[in-house]
Amino acid sequence: MDRKIKFTPTADKQLTALEGTPSKAAVLAQVRKALGYLELDPHHPSLHAHEFLSLTGVHGEKIFEAYAQNNTPGAYRIFWHYGPDEIMGKKRTPVITIVAITPHP
């Protein structure tokens, strides 16, 4: 399925900060791998994706949490929601919007 990943300004800044920090190269690789899984299949088992009940999107969207790392102190998580899909004529492209990329508290 053709699916697109989009980033909120916050998530874009967080990804850019990871990219600019050489000591976080391993974390960046894991985040990129998780983003790839999200794009292909948001239900991929290694993501451990689940609804994050403490947050809602700007327009009331359900927010989900996906694991970029696991069993690691300060493991990175990706927060995301479905939509808004892109519609061009009769073609609809599903979109996943990345809300935040952050270490788990």
Protein backbone atom coordinates (compact mmCIF):
# COMPACT_ATOMS: atom_id res chain seq x y z
CA MET A 1 0.00 0.00 0.00
CA ASP A 2 1.21 3.49 -0.81
CA ARG A 3 1.38 5.30 2.51
CA LYS A 4 3.05 8.58 3.38
CA ILE A 5 4.76 9.70 6.55
CA LYS A 6 4.47 13.36 7.50
CA PHE A 7 6.01 15.15 10.46
CA THR A 8 4.65 17.89 12.68
CA PRO A 9 7.12 20.77 13.20
CA THR A 10 7.89 19.36 16.67
CA ALA A 11 8.66 15.87 15.35
CA ASP A 12 10.71 17.33 12.50
CA LYS A 13 12.86 19.29 14.99
CA GLN A 14 13.32 16.19 17.14
CA LEU A 15 14.42 14.09 14.15
CA THR A 16 16.75 16.87 12.96
CA ALA A 17 18.29 17.06 16.46
CA LEU A 18 18.95 13.30 16.38
CA GLU A 19 20.50 13.61 12.93
CA GLY A 20 22.79 16.37 14.19
CA THR A 21 24.04 14.47 17.23
CA PRO A 22 26.83 12.02 16.36
CA SER A 23 26.55 10.27 19.74
CA LYS A 24 22.92 9.39 18.87
CA ALA A 25 23.77 7.62 15.58
CA ALA A 26 22.57 4.24 16.89
CA VAL A 27 19.33 5.76 18.18
CA LEU A 28 18.80 7.52 14.84
CA ALA A 29 19.20 4.21 12.99
CA GLN A 30 16.61 2.58 15.25
CA VAL A 31 14.19 5.50 14.85
CA ARG A 32 14.57 5.38 11.05
CA LYS A 33 13.96 1.62 11.07
CA ALA A 34 10.79 2.10 13.16
CA LEU A 35 9.60 4.87 10.81
CA GLY A 36 10.11 2.48 7.89
CA TYR A 37 7.98 -0.15 9.64
CA LEU A 38 5.30 2.46 10.32
CA GLU A 39 5.21 3.40 6.67
CA LEU A 40 4.90 -0.23 5.56
CA ASP A 41 2.70 -1.62 8.34
CA PRO A 42 1.70 0.32 11.47
CA HIS A 43 0.80 -3.03 13.06
CA HIS A 44 4.29 -4.51 12.63
CA PRO A 45 4.98 -6.62 15.75
CA SER A 46 8.33 -4.99 16.57
CA LEU A 47 6.67 -1.57 16.91
CA HIS A 48 4.48 -2.70 19.83
CA ALA A 49 2.11 0.05 18.64
CA HIS A 50 -0.79 0.88 20.91
CA GLU A 51 -3.12 3.77 21.59
CA PHE A 52 -1.68 6.35 23.97
CA LEU A 53 -4.67 7.42 26.03
CA SER A 54 -3.03 10.44 27.69
CA LEU A 55 -2.92 12.45 24.45
CA THR A 56 -5.23 13.37 21.60
CA GLY A 57 -4.40 15.09 18.35
CA VAL A 58 -5.13 18.74 17.59
CA HIS A 59 -8.36 17.73 15.87
CA GLY A 60 -9.24 14.94 18.32
CA GLU A 61 -7.27 12.17 16.56
CA LYS A 62 -6.32 9.07 18.52
CA ILE A 63 -2.59 9.17 19.26
CA PHE A 64 -0.57 5.96 19.09
CA GLU A 65 2.81 5.09 20.55
CA ALA A 66 5.34 2.92 18.70
CA TYR A 67 8.63 1.62 20.06
CA ALA A 68 11.85 2.62 18.34
CA GLN A 69 13.76 0.94 21.18
CA ASN A 70 12.81 -1.47 23.93
CA ASN A 71 14.35 -2.62 27.22
CA THR A 72 16.70 0.37 27.19
CA PRO A 73 16.81 3.18 29.76
CA GLY A 74 15.26 6.24 28.10
CA ALA A 75 14.08 4.12 25.15
CA TYR A 76 12.88 6.21 22.23
CA ARG A 77 9.21 6.27 21.30
CA ILE A 78 7.37 7.60 18.28
CA PHE A 79 3.97 9.19 18.79
CA TRP A 80 1.72 9.35 15.74
CA HIS A 81 -1.81 9.43 14.38
CA TYR A 82 -3.59 8.48 11.18
CA GLY A 83 -4.33 11.21 8.65
CA PRO A 84 -5.19 13.51 7.24
CA ASP A 85 -5.10 11.46 4.04
CA GLU A 86 -4.11 13.11 0.78
CA ILE A 87 -6.73 13.09 -1.96
CA MET A 88 -5.81 13.85 -5.56
CA GLY A 89 -8.75 13.30 -7.85
CA LYS A 90 -9.93 9.76 -7.20
CA LYS A 91 -6.66 8.66 -5.59
CA ARG A 92 -6.44 8.59 -1.80
CA THR A 93 -3.03 8.25 -0.17
CA PRO A 94 -3.13 7.23 3.51
CA VAL A 95 -0.98 9.43 5.74
CA ILE A 96 0.58 8.77 9.12
CA THR A 97 1.49 11.97 10.94
CA ILE A 98 4.42 11.75 13.34
CA VAL A 99 3.66 13.96 16.35
CA ALA A 100 6.82 13.39 18.44
CA ILE A 101 10.02 11.34 18.62
CA THR A 102 11.17 11.31 22.20
CA PRO A 103 12.86 9.22 24.90
CA HIS A 104 10.54 7.42 27.29
CA PRO A 105 10.56 9.03 30.73
